[in-house]
Amino acid sequence: MGYDYKLANAEGKSIVGLEVTYPPNSSTPPHRHVGATVVVNIVEGIFLSGMNGNPPKLYDVGESFMELPGCHHTVGENPSSESRVVFVAVFIVDTKVLESGYEALTVLDEGY
């Protein structure tokens, strides 16, 4: 699932929605989202998320968290060895960034 639309009431900004799936025992390297605001809602499984050097927190189905512009997402993982995690991530991002494709929304830390 994915969508993107330019926001008529916020010039130069777009909204993007993506469904993301993490298989069991999977994770992403530390990263940032190019100045975007991101809201994540867990729809299946339990997700471990840590940001800006704060202790990681577990998020269950129906829970959500927000990453503000400049946020450093240091921990993002599915700690389960048996179940997948599915969440919907909604981004408010500069339209110019989006013109490079969805891959441009996530910038991994150097060395990854």
N, C-alpha and C. Protein backbone atom coordinates (compact mmCIF):
# COMPACT_ATOMS: atom_id res chain seq x y z
N MET A 1 0.84 -1.17 0.00
CA MET A 1 0.00 0.00 0.00
C MET A 1 0.89 1.24 0.00
N GLY A 2 0.53 2.18 -0.79
CA GLY A 2 1.24 3.44 -0.80
C GLY A 2 0.45 4.51 -1.53
N TYR A 3 0.58 5.73 -1.07
CA TYR A 3 -0.07 6.86 -1.75
C TYR A 3 0.75 8.11 -1.50
N ASP A 4 0.59 9.09 -2.38
CA ASP A 4 1.17 10.41 -2.13
C ASP A 4 0.34 11.46 -2.85
N TYR A 5 0.16 12.58 -2.17
CA TYR A 5 -0.62 13.70 -2.69
C TYR A 5 0.04 15.01 -2.28
N LYS A 6 0.01 15.99 -3.16
CA LYS A 6 0.43 17.34 -2.80
C LYS A 6 -0.64 17.93 -1.89
N LEU A 7 -0.21 18.69 -0.88
CA LEU A 7 -1.15 19.31 0.05
C LEU A 7 -1.52 20.71 -0.44
N ALA A 8 -2.78 20.91 -0.74
CA ALA A 8 -3.25 22.19 -1.28
C ALA A 8 -3.12 23.32 -0.27
N ASN A 9 -3.21 23.00 1.02
CA ASN A 9 -3.17 24.05 2.05
C ASN A 9 -1.79 24.20 2.69
N ALA A 10 -0.78 23.55 2.11
CA ALA A 10 0.59 23.66 2.62
C ALA A 10 1.53 23.63 1.41
N GLU A 11 1.73 24.79 0.83
CA GLU A 11 2.51 24.90 -0.41
C GLU A 11 3.89 24.25 -0.27
N GLY A 12 4.23 23.44 -1.26
CA GLY A 12 5.54 22.79 -1.28
C GLY A 12 5.62 21.52 -0.46
N LYS A 13 4.50 21.11 0.15
CA LYS A 13 4.49 19.90 0.99
C LYS A 13 3.59 18.84 0.37
N SER A 14 3.93 17.58 0.67
CA SER A 14 3.13 16.44 0.23
C SER A 14 2.91 15.52 1.42
N ILE A 15 1.87 14.70 1.31
CA ILE A 15 1.60 13.65 2.29
C ILE A 15 1.84 12.32 1.59
N VAL A 16 2.50 11.41 2.30
CA VAL A 16 2.80 10.08 1.77
C VAL A 16 2.37 9.07 2.82
N GLY A 17 1.70 8.01 2.40
CA GLY A 17 1.34 6.91 3.28
C GLY A 17 1.91 5.62 2.74
N LEU A 18 2.60 4.87 3.58
CA LEU A 18 3.22 3.61 3.17
C LEU A 18 2.94 2.53 4.20
N GLU A 19 2.59 1.34 3.72
CA GLU A 19 2.50 0.17 4.59
C GLU A 19 3.87 -0.49 4.60
N VAL A 20 4.39 -0.74 5.79
CA VAL A 20 5.74 -1.31 5.95
C VAL A 20 5.62 -2.62 6.71
N THR A 21 6.32 -3.65 6.23
CA THR A 21 6.32 -4.96 6.89
C THR A 21 7.74 -5.33 7.29
N TYR A 22 7.90 -5.75 8.55
CA TYR A 22 9.17 -6.27 9.05
C TYR A 22 8.97 -7.77 9.30
N PRO A 23 9.73 -8.63 8.65
CA PRO A 23 9.68 -10.05 8.97
C PRO A 23 10.20 -10.29 10.40
N PRO A 24 10.01 -11.49 10.94
CA PRO A 24 10.55 -11.78 12.27
C PRO A 24 12.05 -11.49 12.35
N ASN A 25 12.48 -11.00 13.50
CA ASN A 25 13.89 -10.71 13.79
C ASN A 25 14.56 -9.77 12.80
N SER A 26 13.83 -8.83 12.24
CA SER A 26 14.43 -7.90 11.28
C SER A 26 14.50 -6.50 11.87
N SER A 27 15.35 -5.67 11.25
CA SER A 27 15.53 -4.31 11.75
C SER A 27 16.00 -3.41 10.62
N THR A 28 16.00 -2.10 10.88
CA THR A 28 16.57 -1.15 9.94
C THR A 28 17.75 -0.46 10.62
N PRO A 29 18.73 -0.06 9.83
CA PRO A 29 19.85 0.68 10.40
C PRO A 29 19.40 2.06 10.89
N PRO A 30 20.20 2.72 11.71
CA PRO A 30 19.87 4.08 12.12
C PRO A 30 19.69 4.98 10.90
N HIS A 31 18.71 5.88 10.99
CA HIS A 31 18.37 6.71 9.83
C HIS A 31 17.62 7.97 10.24
N ARG A 32 17.39 8.82 9.24
CA ARG A 32 16.57 10.03 9.37
C ARG A 32 15.63 10.08 8.18
N HIS A 33 14.63 10.96 8.27
CA HIS A 33 13.63 11.08 7.20
C HIS A 33 13.62 12.49 6.59
N VAL A 34 14.78 12.94 6.10
CA VAL A 34 14.95 14.17 5.31
C VAL A 34 14.02 15.32 5.67
N GLY A 35 13.93 15.65 6.94
CA GLY A 35 13.13 16.80 7.35
C GLY A 35 11.64 16.56 7.41
N ALA A 36 11.22 15.32 7.24
CA ALA A 36 9.79 15.00 7.27
C ALA A 36 9.29 14.84 8.70
N THR A 37 8.00 15.06 8.88
CA THR A 37 7.30 14.62 10.07
C THR A 37 6.69 13.28 9.71
N VAL A 38 6.87 12.28 10.58
CA VAL A 38 6.38 10.93 10.29
C VAL A 38 5.54 10.46 11.47
N VAL A 39 4.35 9.93 11.18
CA VAL A 39 3.51 9.30 12.20
C VAL A 39 3.36 7.83 11.82
N VAL A 40 3.64 6.95 12.77
CA VAL A 40 3.59 5.51 12.54
C VAL A 40 2.50 4.92 13.41
N ASN A 41 1.64 4.08 12.81
CA ASN A 41 0.58 3.37 13.53
C ASN A 41 0.79 1.88 13.33
N ILE A 42 0.91 1.14 14.43
CA ILE A 42 1.14 -0.30 14.37
C ILE A 42 -0.19 -1.01 14.09
N VAL A 43 -0.21 -1.85 13.06
CA VAL A 43 -1.44 -2.57 12.72
C VAL A 43 -1.33 -4.08 12.95
N GLU A 44 -0.09 -4.58 13.11
CA GLU A 44 0.10 -6.01 13.39
C GLU A 44 1.45 -6.19 14.07
N GLY A 45 1.47 -6.98 15.15
CA GLY A 45 2.72 -7.28 15.83
C GLY A 45 3.13 -6.23 16.84
N ILE A 46 4.36 -6.35 17.31
CA ILE A 46 4.93 -5.42 18.29
C ILE A 46 6.25 -4.90 17.72
N PHE A 47 6.43 -3.57 17.75
CA PHE A 47 7.59 -2.92 17.14
C PHE A 47 8.41 -2.22 18.21
N LEU A 48 9.72 -2.36 18.15
CA LEU A 48 10.63 -1.70 19.07
C LEU A 48 11.24 -0.49 18.37
N SER A 49 11.03 0.69 18.95
CA SER A 49 11.50 1.93 18.33
C SER A 49 12.23 2.79 19.35
N GLY A 50 13.38 3.32 18.92
CA GLY A 50 14.14 4.24 19.75
C GLY A 50 14.59 5.43 18.92
N MET A 51 14.47 6.62 19.49
CA MET A 51 14.80 7.84 18.75
C MET A 51 15.61 8.80 19.60
N ASN A 52 16.53 9.48 18.93
CA ASN A 52 17.30 10.58 19.54
C ASN A 52 18.02 10.20 20.82
N GLY A 53 18.50 8.96 20.90
CA GLY A 53 19.25 8.52 22.07
C GLY A 53 18.40 8.14 23.27
N ASN A 54 17.08 8.23 23.14
CA ASN A 54 16.19 7.82 24.23
C ASN A 54 16.08 6.30 24.26
N PRO A 55 15.74 5.72 25.42
CA PRO A 55 15.60 4.27 25.49
C PRO A 55 14.52 3.79 24.52
N PRO A 56 14.75 2.66 23.84
CA PRO A 56 13.74 2.11 22.93
C PRO A 56 12.47 1.74 23.69
N LYS A 57 11.35 1.81 22.99
CA LYS A 57 10.04 1.51 23.56
C LYS A 57 9.31 0.54 22.65
N LEU A 58 8.55 -0.39 23.24
CA LEU A 58 7.72 -1.32 22.48
C LEU A 58 6.37 -0.69 22.16
N TYR A 59 5.93 -0.82 20.92
CA TYR A 59 4.63 -0.32 20.48
C TYR A 59 3.81 -1.50 19.98
N ASP A 60 2.58 -1.60 20.49
CA ASP A 60 1.67 -2.71 20.18
C ASP A 60 0.61 -2.25 19.17
N VAL A 61 -0.18 -3.20 18.71
CA VAL A 61 -1.26 -2.90 17.75
C VAL A 61 -2.12 -1.76 18.26
N GLY A 62 -2.38 -0.79 17.39
CA GLY A 62 -3.21 0.36 17.73
C GLY A 62 -2.44 1.53 18.31
N GLU A 63 -1.19 1.31 18.70
CA GLU A 63 -0.38 2.40 19.23
C GLU A 63 0.34 3.11 18.10
N SER A 64 0.77 4.33 18.39
CA SER A 64 1.45 5.12 17.37
C SER A 64 2.58 5.91 18.01
N PHE A 65 3.48 6.38 17.15
CA PHE A 65 4.53 7.31 17.59
C PHE A 65 4.81 8.28 16.45
N MET A 66 5.46 9.39 16.81
CA MET A 66 5.74 10.43 15.82
C MET A 66 7.24 10.74 15.83
N GLU A 67 7.77 10.94 14.62
CA GLU A 67 9.14 11.39 14.43
C GLU A 67 9.07 12.82 13.89
N LEU A 68 9.64 13.75 14.62
CA LEU A 68 9.65 15.15 14.19
C LEU A 68 10.79 15.39 13.20
N PRO A 69 10.73 16.47 12.44
CA PRO A 69 11.82 16.76 11.50
C PRO A 69 13.17 16.75 12.22
N GLY A 70 14.14 16.09 11.60
CA GLY A 70 15.48 15.99 12.17
C GLY A 70 15.67 14.83 13.13
N CYS A 71 14.59 14.13 13.45
CA CYS A 71 14.66 13.00 14.37
C CYS A 71 15.66 11.96 13.88
N HIS A 72 16.45 11.43 14.80
CA HIS A 72 17.39 10.36 14.49
C HIS A 72 16.79 9.06 15.02
N HIS A 73 16.33 8.21 14.11
CA HIS A 73 15.69 6.95 14.48
C HIS A 73 16.81 5.91 14.63
N THR A 74 17.20 5.63 15.87
CA THR A 74 18.36 4.79 16.14
C THR A 74 18.02 3.31 16.29
N VAL A 75 16.80 2.99 16.69
CA VAL A 75 16.37 1.60 16.83
C VAL A 75 15.03 1.45 16.14
N GLY A 76 14.94 0.49 15.23
CA GLY A 76 13.68 0.14 14.58
C GLY A 76 13.72 -1.34 14.27
N GLU A 77 13.03 -2.14 15.09
CA GLU A 77 13.15 -3.59 14.88
C GLU A 77 11.91 -4.36 15.31
N ASN A 78 11.80 -5.53 14.71
CA ASN A 78 10.80 -6.51 15.11
C ASN A 78 11.51 -7.50 16.02
N PRO A 79 11.24 -7.46 17.33
CA PRO A 79 11.95 -8.34 18.25
C PRO A 79 11.42 -9.78 18.27
N SER A 80 10.32 -10.04 17.57
CA SER A 80 9.72 -11.38 17.58
C SER A 80 10.47 -12.33 16.65
N SER A 81 10.64 -13.56 17.09
CA SER A 81 11.26 -14.58 16.24
C SER A 81 10.21 -15.34 15.43
N GLU A 82 8.92 -15.03 15.67
CA GLU A 82 7.86 -15.80 15.02
C GLU A 82 6.87 -14.97 14.21
N SER A 83 6.63 -13.73 14.60
CA SER A 83 5.57 -12.93 13.98
C SER A 83 6.14 -11.72 13.25
N ARG A 84 5.47 -11.33 12.19
CA ARG A 84 5.87 -10.12 11.48
C ARG A 84 5.28 -8.89 12.16
N VAL A 85 5.78 -7.73 11.78
CA VAL A 85 5.22 -6.45 12.21
C VAL A 85 4.77 -5.72 10.95
N VAL A 86 3.59 -5.12 11.02
CA VAL A 86 3.09 -4.29 9.92
C VAL A 86 2.68 -2.96 10.53
N PHE A 87 3.12 -1.87 9.89
CA PHE A 87 2.66 -0.55 10.32
C PHE A 87 2.43 0.33 9.11
N VAL A 88 1.66 1.39 9.34
CA VAL A 88 1.44 2.41 8.32
C VAL A 88 2.21 3.65 8.76
N ALA A 89 3.07 4.13 7.87
CA ALA A 89 3.85 5.34 8.12
C ALA A 89 3.30 6.45 7.23
N VAL A 90 2.95 7.58 7.85
CA VAL A 90 2.45 8.74 7.11
C VAL A 90 3.47 9.86 7.25
N PHE A 91 3.94 10.36 6.12
CA PHE A 91 4.97 11.40 6.06
C PHE A 91 4.36 12.71 5.59
N ILE A 92 4.76 13.81 6.20
CA ILE A 92 4.55 15.14 5.63
C ILE A 92 5.96 15.60 5.25
N VAL A 93 6.17 15.80 3.95
CA VAL A 93 7.52 16.00 3.44
C VAL A 93 7.52 17.05 2.34
N ASP A 94 8.67 17.65 2.11
CA ASP A 94 8.80 18.58 0.99
C ASP A 94 8.54 17.83 -0.32
N THR A 95 7.68 18.37 -1.15
CA THR A 95 7.35 17.76 -2.43
C THR A 95 8.61 17.53 -3.26
N LYS A 96 9.55 18.44 -3.16
CA LYS A 96 10.80 18.32 -3.93
C LYS A 96 11.54 17.02 -3.58
N VAL A 97 11.55 16.63 -2.31
CA VAL A 97 12.18 15.38 -1.89
C VAL A 97 11.45 14.20 -2.52
N LEU A 98 10.13 14.25 -2.49
CA LEU A 98 9.31 13.16 -3.01
C LEU A 98 9.52 12.94 -4.51
N GLU A 99 9.88 13.98 -5.22
CA GLU A 99 10.10 13.86 -6.67
C GLU A 99 11.22 12.89 -7.00
N SER A 100 12.07 12.56 -6.04
CA SER A 100 13.15 11.59 -6.25
C SER A 100 12.70 10.16 -5.96
N GLY A 101 11.44 9.96 -5.57
CA GLY A 101 10.92 8.63 -5.28
C GLY A 101 10.87 8.35 -3.79
N TYR A 102 10.14 7.29 -3.44
CA TYR A 102 9.97 6.93 -2.04
C TYR A 102 11.30 6.60 -1.35
N GLU A 103 12.26 6.08 -2.12
CA GLU A 103 13.56 5.73 -1.53
C GLU A 103 14.23 6.95 -0.91
N ALA A 104 13.96 8.13 -1.43
CA ALA A 104 14.58 9.36 -0.93
C ALA A 104 14.05 9.77 0.44
N LEU A 105 12.99 9.15 0.91
CA LEU A 105 12.39 9.52 2.19
C LEU A 105 13.24 9.09 3.39
N THR A 106 14.09 8.08 3.20
CA THR A 106 14.90 7.55 4.29
C THR A 106 16.37 7.65 3.95
N VAL A 107 17.13 8.29 4.84
CA VAL A 107 18.58 8.42 4.66
C VAL A 107 19.26 7.66 5.79
N LEU A 108 19.96 6.59 5.42
CA LEU A 108 20.66 5.78 6.41
C LEU A 108 21.90 6.50 6.92
N ASP A 109 22.25 6.22 8.18
CA ASP A 109 23.48 6.76 8.73
C ASP A 109 24.67 6.31 7.89
N GLU A 110 25.70 7.13 7.90
CA GLU A 110 26.92 6.80 7.15
C GLU A 110 27.45 5.44 7.60
N GLY A 111 27.90 4.66 6.65
CA GLY A 111 28.45 3.34 6.96
C GLY A 111 27.47 2.20 6.80
N TYR A 112 26.20 2.51 6.49
CA TYR A 112 25.20 1.45 6.31
C TYR A 112 24.85 1.32 4.87
